[in-house]
Amino acid sequence: MELFFNELSISGKENIGSESVLSLINVYRALRKYNITTCRIDSGDNLKLFRMIQNMPDSLNIKNFYFSFFRPPYESANVEQEQDEYYCHNWSYNERPCIGLALASILNSAGLSICENDWNAAFVHLRKDDDIKTVRNICTEEHVDIHIPQLQSEKESELVETDLQIEDKKIALRHDHGMAVLTEFSKRLIRCPYVIGIVNSLPFNPSERKFIRKVRDDGLIEIVLPWTDQKYGVVVKTTGRNIKETKRISEILSERYGNIG
């Protein structure tokens, strides 16, 4: 699990107080007890925050902690899979655009804020278009103990296997270039017990490099064959009942079929 830095907590600030830095260090120590050691942060905000704390007393230990904890940029493999969810909506806090808290919401994680009056709350409320989203927020040790056990104790539901026999699973592809390649590949995919069928082929994605292009919360996974010249792809219907299950299935498909080209 990775946290996401709330860039709004340093917006407009020139410096932060020593008590806020101490609270940040204590949060890091509390998180380590749960084996969480990374907070994603924008590269520009990373430099800005570091400048704020680098001249604090005991700066050497603070620097060691800082570089162990904060990791730019926000983007990671998990974030890239969900980037459409961010870019396709307007995310804001008190009418200010936000990134870190939005990513925390999308990835079911928590935001990390500098502990000052405006942000000393375990939950904050974002606007996603016209909806309100409640997001976990951490800026004290107490917040760590509120959120992390709950996040880590969420039991992973058992994946459901389809009752369909392989010969009954449908492969629906457009009559287009690459159909023969996609048909052969699809016949392999439907052997997976979590695959219900192939519902369509994708438009060519010549610049796509990832095997898993997109994971949807309705059990659909977009797969691209990066080893083909035109980057042919298919849309796979799985037994995933929510985004979490579908992500797990996408990982299984990537492991089994992502390098067969």
Protein backbone atom coordinates (compact mmCIF):
# COMPACT_ATOMS: atom_id res chain seq x y z
CA MET A 1 0.00 0.00 0.00
CA GLU A 2 1.16 3.50 -0.84
CA LEU A 3 -0.18 6.80 0.48
CA PHE A 4 -0.67 9.92 -1.63
CA PHE A 5 0.55 13.33 -0.54
CA ASN A 6 -2.10 16.02 -0.27
CA GLU A 7 -0.51 18.88 -2.17
CA LEU A 8 -3.17 21.29 -0.91
CA SER A 9 -1.76 21.01 2.61
CA ILE A 10 1.31 23.03 1.52
CA SER A 11 -0.39 25.19 -1.08
CA GLY A 12 0.49 28.85 -0.55
CA LYS A 13 2.89 28.13 2.32
CA GLU A 14 6.49 29.25 2.51
CA ASN A 15 7.39 27.03 5.46
CA ILE A 16 5.93 24.66 8.02
CA GLY A 17 6.46 24.55 11.77
CA SER A 18 8.72 22.15 13.64
CA GLU A 19 5.70 20.55 15.32
CA SER A 20 4.27 19.68 11.93
CA VAL A 21 7.59 18.12 10.88
CA LEU A 22 7.73 16.11 14.11
CA SER A 23 4.18 14.90 13.51
CA LEU A 24 5.18 13.86 9.99
CA ILE A 25 8.09 11.84 11.34
CA ASN A 26 5.87 10.19 13.94
CA VAL A 27 3.37 9.30 11.22
CA TYR A 28 6.17 7.68 9.21
CA ARG A 29 7.26 5.63 12.24
CA ALA A 30 3.68 4.54 12.90
CA LEU A 31 3.22 3.53 9.26
CA ARG A 32 6.37 1.42 9.33
CA LYS A 33 4.76 -0.78 11.97
CA TYR A 34 2.26 -1.70 9.27
CA ASN A 35 5.02 -2.17 6.65
CA ILE A 36 4.01 0.98 4.79
CA THR A 37 7.04 3.03 3.79
CA THR A 38 6.04 5.01 0.71
CA CYS A 39 4.11 8.18 0.07
CA ARG A 40 3.69 9.19 -3.57
CA ILE A 41 4.18 12.87 -4.29
CA ASP A 42 4.40 15.20 -7.29
CA SER A 43 8.00 16.01 -8.26
CA GLY A 44 7.51 19.77 -7.85
CA ASP A 45 5.81 19.37 -4.48
CA ASN A 46 8.54 16.98 -3.41
CA LEU A 47 11.17 19.67 -3.96
CA LYS A 48 9.02 22.32 -2.29
CA LEU A 49 8.36 20.23 0.82
CA PHE A 50 11.99 19.22 1.12
CA ARG A 51 13.08 22.85 1.07
CA MET A 52 10.64 23.53 3.89
CA ILE A 53 12.17 20.95 6.20
CA GLN A 54 15.85 20.78 5.21
CA ASN A 55 16.99 23.47 7.66
CA MET A 56 15.16 22.05 10.66
CA PRO A 57 17.16 20.97 13.73
CA ASP A 58 18.55 17.46 13.37
CA SER A 59 18.29 17.97 9.63
CA LEU A 60 20.44 14.92 8.79
CA ASN A 61 17.99 12.47 10.34
CA ILE A 62 15.10 14.39 8.83
CA LYS A 63 16.65 14.10 5.37
CA ASN A 64 17.19 10.37 5.84
CA PHE A 65 13.56 9.92 6.81
CA TYR A 66 12.38 12.15 3.98
CA PHE A 67 14.12 10.30 1.17
CA SER A 68 13.01 6.97 2.62
CA PHE A 69 9.38 8.00 2.65
CA PHE A 70 8.51 10.36 -0.19
CA ARG A 71 8.72 9.03 -3.71
CA PRO A 72 7.93 11.09 -6.80
CA PRO A 73 6.03 11.09 -9.05
CA TYR A 74 2.41 10.23 -8.27
CA GLU A 75 2.34 7.84 -11.19
CA SER A 76 3.04 4.18 -10.55
CA ALA A 77 1.84 1.00 -12.22
CA ASN A 78 -1.30 1.02 -10.06
CA VAL A 79 -1.98 4.67 -10.76
CA GLU A 80 -1.53 4.23 -14.50
CA GLN A 81 -4.22 1.55 -14.55
CA GLU A 82 -6.65 4.01 -12.98
CA GLN A 83 -5.57 7.23 -14.68
CA ASP A 84 -8.71 7.42 -16.81
CA GLU A 85 -10.80 7.57 -13.65
CA TYR A 86 -8.90 10.69 -12.67
CA TYR A 87 -8.76 12.40 -16.04
CA CYS A 88 -12.39 11.70 -16.95
CA HIS A 89 -13.75 13.55 -13.92
CA ASN A 90 -13.35 16.86 -12.13
CA TRP A 91 -11.89 16.38 -8.66
CA SER A 92 -11.86 19.29 -6.19
CA TYR A 93 -11.70 20.24 -2.53
CA ASN A 94 -13.42 23.49 -1.61
CA GLU A 95 -13.43 24.36 -5.30
CA ARG A 96 -9.67 23.80 -5.59
CA PRO A 97 -8.46 21.07 -7.97
CA CYS A 98 -6.69 18.24 -6.18
CA ILE A 99 -4.58 15.29 -7.20
CA GLY A 100 -3.23 13.44 -4.16
CA LEU A 101 -6.53 13.10 -2.35
CA ALA A 102 -8.27 12.13 -5.58
CA LEU A 103 -5.78 9.32 -6.17
CA ALA A 104 -6.22 8.18 -2.56
CA SER A 105 -9.94 7.93 -3.22
CA ILE A 106 -9.56 6.13 -6.54
CA LEU A 107 -7.06 3.57 -5.22
CA ASN A 108 -8.84 3.06 -1.88
CA SER A 109 -5.85 4.33 0.06
CA ALA A 110 -5.30 7.42 2.22
CA GLY A 111 -4.00 10.91 1.70
CA LEU A 112 -1.10 12.28 3.74
CA SER A 113 -1.40 15.89 4.86
CA ILE A 114 0.86 18.24 6.77
CA CYS A 115 -0.62 18.44 10.26
CA GLU A 116 -2.05 21.91 10.63
CA ASN A 117 -5.51 23.12 11.63
CA ASP A 118 -7.05 22.94 8.18
CA TRP A 119 -6.11 19.30 7.71
CA ASN A 120 -6.19 17.79 11.20
CA ALA A 121 -9.10 15.49 10.37
CA ALA A 122 -9.33 11.76 9.79
CA PHE A 123 -11.68 12.20 6.84
CA VAL A 124 -12.06 14.91 4.23
CA HIS A 125 -14.72 15.36 1.60
CA LEU A 126 -13.96 15.81 -2.09
CA ARG A 127 -16.18 16.64 -4.98
CA LYS A 128 -16.06 14.29 -7.95
CA ASP A 129 -18.08 16.09 -10.57
CA ASP A 130 -21.40 16.50 -8.73
CA ASP A 131 -20.82 13.72 -6.19
CA ILE A 132 -19.20 13.93 -2.75
CA LYS A 133 -16.48 11.42 -1.91
CA THR A 134 -15.20 10.78 1.62
CA VAL A 135 -11.45 10.21 1.66
CA ARG A 136 -9.20 8.89 4.41
CA ASN A 137 -6.70 11.49 5.59
CA ILE A 138 -3.59 10.97 7.73
CA CYS A 139 -1.60 13.64 9.51
CA THR A 140 -1.18 12.18 13.03
CA GLU A 141 -0.27 8.83 14.58
CA GLU A 142 -3.89 8.46 15.69
CA HIS A 143 -5.03 8.71 12.07
CA VAL A 144 -2.62 5.92 11.14
CA ASP A 145 -4.18 3.63 13.74
CA ILE A 146 -7.67 4.56 12.59
CA HIS A 147 -7.17 3.90 8.90
CA ILE A 148 -4.43 1.38 8.24
CA PRO A 149 -5.81 -1.58 10.23
CA GLN A 150 -9.16 -1.10 8.49
CA LEU A 151 -7.57 -0.92 5.06
CA GLN A 152 -5.36 -3.94 5.68
CA SER A 153 -8.08 -6.02 7.29
CA GLU A 154 -10.41 -5.77 4.33
CA LYS A 155 -10.56 -9.39 3.37
CA GLU A 156 -10.01 -10.18 -0.25
CA SER A 157 -13.16 -11.82 -1.52
CA GLU A 158 -12.71 -15.16 -3.23
CA LEU A 159 -12.72 -14.90 -6.99
CA VAL A 160 -15.67 -16.56 -8.70
CA GLU A 161 -15.11 -19.03 -11.51
CA THR A 162 -17.54 -19.12 -14.43
CA ASP A 163 -19.80 -22.14 -14.89
CA LEU A 164 -19.36 -21.97 -18.66
CA GLN A 165 -17.45 -24.70 -20.41
CA ILE A 166 -14.64 -23.54 -22.68
CA GLU A 167 -16.57 -24.56 -25.78
CA ASP A 168 -19.53 -22.43 -24.67
CA LYS A 169 -17.54 -19.23 -24.21
CA LYS A 170 -18.13 -16.77 -27.04
CA ILE A 171 -15.43 -14.93 -28.96
CA ALA A 172 -16.83 -11.84 -30.67
CA LEU A 173 -14.30 -9.92 -32.78
CA ARG A 174 -14.57 -7.29 -35.48
CA HIS A 175 -13.74 -8.42 -38.99
CA ASP A 176 -10.57 -6.41 -39.30
CA HIS A 177 -6.83 -6.75 -39.64
CA GLY A 178 -5.36 -8.95 -36.99
CA MET A 179 -8.45 -11.06 -36.55
CA ALA A 180 -6.53 -14.31 -37.00
CA VAL A 181 -3.98 -13.31 -34.35
CA LEU A 182 -6.68 -12.18 -31.94
CA THR A 183 -8.75 -15.32 -32.49
CA GLU A 184 -5.80 -17.55 -31.64
CA PHE A 185 -4.98 -15.45 -28.58
CA SER A 186 -8.62 -15.36 -27.48
CA LYS A 187 -8.80 -19.14 -27.57
CA ARG A 188 -6.03 -19.16 -24.98
CA LEU A 189 -7.66 -16.51 -22.83
CA ILE A 190 -10.98 -18.32 -22.53
CA ARG A 191 -9.22 -21.24 -20.89
CA CYS A 192 -8.94 -19.09 -17.79
CA PRO A 193 -11.79 -19.97 -15.38
CA TYR A 194 -12.32 -16.26 -14.62
CA VAL A 195 -12.94 -15.37 -18.26
CA ILE A 196 -16.56 -15.47 -19.46
CA GLY A 197 -15.81 -14.53 -23.04
CA ILE A 198 -14.31 -12.06 -25.49
CA VAL A 199 -16.85 -9.32 -26.25
CA ASN A 200 -15.01 -7.22 -28.82
CA SER A 201 -11.70 -6.27 -30.33
CA LEU A 202 -10.06 -2.90 -29.70
CA PRO A 203 -9.08 -0.25 -32.20
CA PHE A 204 -5.37 -0.35 -32.97
CA ASN A 205 -3.23 1.19 -30.25
CA PRO A 206 0.19 1.50 -31.94
CA SER A 207 1.70 3.50 -29.05
CA GLU A 208 0.44 1.19 -26.28
CA ARG A 209 3.11 -0.76 -24.43
CA LYS A 210 1.14 -2.29 -21.57
CA PHE A 211 -0.59 -5.65 -21.76
CA ILE A 212 -3.43 -4.50 -19.51
CA ARG A 213 -4.78 -1.31 -21.05
CA LYS A 214 -7.74 -0.70 -18.77
CA VAL A 215 -9.64 -2.40 -15.95
CA ARG A 216 -13.31 -1.54 -15.50
CA ASP A 217 -15.53 -2.01 -12.48
CA ASP A 218 -18.10 -3.94 -14.55
CA GLY A 219 -15.73 -6.88 -14.95
CA LEU A 220 -14.36 -5.85 -18.34
CA ILE A 221 -10.63 -5.77 -19.07
CA GLU A 222 -9.04 -4.22 -22.13
CA ILE A 223 -5.97 -6.16 -23.23
CA VAL A 224 -3.42 -5.11 -25.83
CA LEU A 225 -0.90 -7.44 -27.45
CA PRO A 226 2.21 -5.24 -27.30
CA TRP A 227 4.27 -7.74 -29.29
CA THR A 228 2.12 -7.21 -32.42
CA ASP A 229 3.01 -4.49 -34.92
CA GLN A 230 -0.35 -2.72 -34.75
CA LYS A 231 -0.87 -3.50 -31.04
CA TYR A 232 -4.05 -5.50 -31.57
CA GLY A 233 -6.32 -5.82 -28.56
CA VAL A 234 -9.47 -7.38 -27.12
CA VAL A 235 -12.11 -6.61 -24.51
CA VAL A 236 -12.47 -9.50 -22.08
CA LYS A 237 -15.56 -10.16 -19.96
CA THR A 238 -14.56 -11.64 -16.61
CA THR A 239 -16.29 -12.83 -13.46
CA GLY A 240 -15.03 -9.77 -11.56
CA ARG A 241 -17.88 -8.31 -9.50
CA ASN A 242 -16.11 -5.08 -8.63
CA ILE A 243 -12.95 -3.17 -9.49
CA LYS A 244 -10.89 -4.95 -6.84
CA GLU A 245 -11.74 -8.43 -8.12
CA THR A 246 -11.32 -7.40 -11.73
CA LYS A 247 -7.87 -5.99 -10.95
CA ARG A 248 -6.86 -9.30 -9.40
CA ILE A 249 -8.08 -11.14 -12.47
CA SER A 250 -6.15 -8.74 -14.71
CA GLU A 251 -3.00 -9.59 -12.75
CA ILE A 252 -3.64 -13.30 -13.26
CA LEU A 253 -4.17 -12.80 -16.99
CA SER A 254 -1.04 -10.68 -17.26
CA GLU A 255 1.03 -13.32 -15.49
CA ARG A 256 -0.33 -16.20 -17.55
CA TYR A 257 -0.68 -14.62 -20.99
CA GLY A 258 1.21 -11.33 -20.97
CA ASN A 259 4.48 -12.66 -22.35
CA ILE A 260 3.48 -15.36 -24.79
CA GLY A 261 4.24 -13.29 -27.88
